[in-house]
Amino acid sequence: MSADDYLPADGGITMFSTTWCGYCARLKHQLSAAGIPFTEVDIEQVPGTADLVASLNGGNQTVPTVIFPDRSTATNPSLAQVKAALGV
């Protein structure tokens, strides 16, 4: 499994999260309010994704971790960082 397996469509992001993560809930709310499409992947429910997130974060299973259409990633990004990465 690689980040390429979770590449989002142009204009959107893939966000790895957990149900109990407050930072994830905040980012989801902000994305929805801004009209930015996202696909959420719960790393506690989808096999292999916790390891994928750890591989993107130096061994840490830190969420939210985001994948952008250009294959770049960000950990706990602000809405402004997401918008800048998407060019919106």
Protein backbone atom coordinates (compact mmCIF):
# COMPACT_ATOMS: atom_id res chain seq x y z
CA MET A 1 0.00 0.00 0.00
CA SER A 2 1.28 3.45 -0.87
CA ALA A 3 0.07 7.03 -0.86
CA ASP A 4 -0.67 6.60 -4.57
CA ASP A 5 -3.49 4.23 -3.59
CA TYR A 6 -5.22 7.19 -1.94
CA LEU A 7 -4.56 10.01 -4.41
CA PRO A 8 -7.54 12.37 -4.49
CA ALA A 9 -9.16 13.91 -7.54
CA ASP A 10 -7.99 17.38 -8.53
CA GLY A 11 -9.42 20.03 -6.22
CA GLY A 12 -9.84 17.68 -3.28
CA ILE A 13 -7.83 15.88 -0.63
CA THR A 14 -7.63 12.55 1.13
CA MET A 15 -7.58 12.92 4.90
CA PHE A 16 -6.47 10.14 7.21
CA SER A 17 -8.16 10.47 10.59
CA THR A 18 -9.65 8.76 13.62
CA THR A 19 -13.10 9.20 15.12
CA TRP A 20 -11.75 10.65 18.37
CA CYS A 21 -9.27 13.17 16.90
CA GLY A 22 -10.30 16.75 17.67
CA TYR A 23 -7.92 18.19 15.06
CA CYS A 24 -9.51 15.92 12.46
CA ALA A 25 -13.02 17.05 13.41
CA ARG A 26 -11.95 20.70 13.17
CA LEU A 27 -10.36 20.25 9.73
CA LYS A 28 -13.38 18.31 8.42
CA HIS A 29 -15.69 21.11 9.55
CA GLN A 30 -13.48 23.77 7.97
CA LEU A 31 -13.19 21.85 4.69
CA SER A 32 -16.95 21.37 4.51
CA ALA A 33 -17.60 25.05 5.24
CA ALA A 34 -15.09 26.05 2.53
CA GLY A 35 -16.59 23.64 -0.01
CA ILE A 36 -13.38 21.65 -0.42
CA PRO A 37 -14.10 18.01 -1.22
CA PHE A 38 -12.34 15.38 0.84
CA THR A 39 -12.29 11.67 1.30
CA GLU A 40 -11.85 10.56 4.88
CA VAL A 41 -10.00 7.35 5.74
CA ASP A 42 -10.21 6.15 9.35
CA ILE A 43 -6.82 4.59 10.13
CA GLU A 44 -8.37 2.50 12.90
CA GLN A 45 -10.86 0.91 10.51
CA VAL A 46 -9.02 0.54 7.18
CA PRO A 47 -6.29 -2.13 7.33
CA GLY A 48 -2.80 -0.94 6.47
CA THR A 49 -3.55 2.77 6.61
CA ALA A 50 -2.10 3.33 10.09
CA ASP A 51 1.20 1.95 8.77
CA LEU A 52 0.91 4.14 5.68
CA VAL A 53 0.38 7.24 7.82
CA ALA A 54 3.36 6.24 9.98
CA SER A 55 5.51 5.90 6.85
CA LEU A 56 4.54 9.43 5.82
CA ASN A 57 5.28 10.87 9.28
CA GLY A 58 8.64 9.47 10.32
CA GLY A 59 7.10 6.52 12.16
CA ASN A 60 4.30 8.43 13.89
CA GLN A 61 0.62 7.66 13.29
CA THR A 62 -0.26 11.36 13.41
CA VAL A 63 -3.67 12.49 12.16
CA PRO A 64 -4.95 14.35 10.36
CA THR A 65 -2.53 13.49 7.60
CA VAL A 66 -3.53 14.79 4.19
CA ILE A 67 -2.61 13.72 0.66
CA PHE A 68 -2.98 16.25 -2.15
CA PRO A 69 -3.52 15.50 -5.87
CA ASP A 70 0.15 16.32 -6.61
CA ARG A 71 1.22 13.51 -4.22
CA SER A 72 2.46 15.94 -1.55
CA THR A 73 1.37 15.41 2.04
CA ALA A 74 0.79 17.51 5.15
CA THR A 75 0.29 16.63 8.78
CA ASN A 76 -2.31 18.59 10.74
CA PRO A 77 -2.53 21.34 8.11
CA SER A 78 -4.52 24.51 8.57
CA LEU A 79 -7.33 25.35 6.18
CA ALA A 80 -5.07 28.06 4.72
CA GLN A 81 -2.36 25.47 4.02
CA VAL A 82 -4.87 23.18 2.31
CA LYS A 83 -6.20 26.03 0.18
CA ALA A 84 -2.68 27.09 -0.78
CA ALA A 85 -1.72 23.54 -1.76
CA LEU A 86 -4.88 23.23 -3.88
CA GLY A 87 -4.50 26.71 -5.38
CA VAL A 88 -7.90 27.93 -4.14
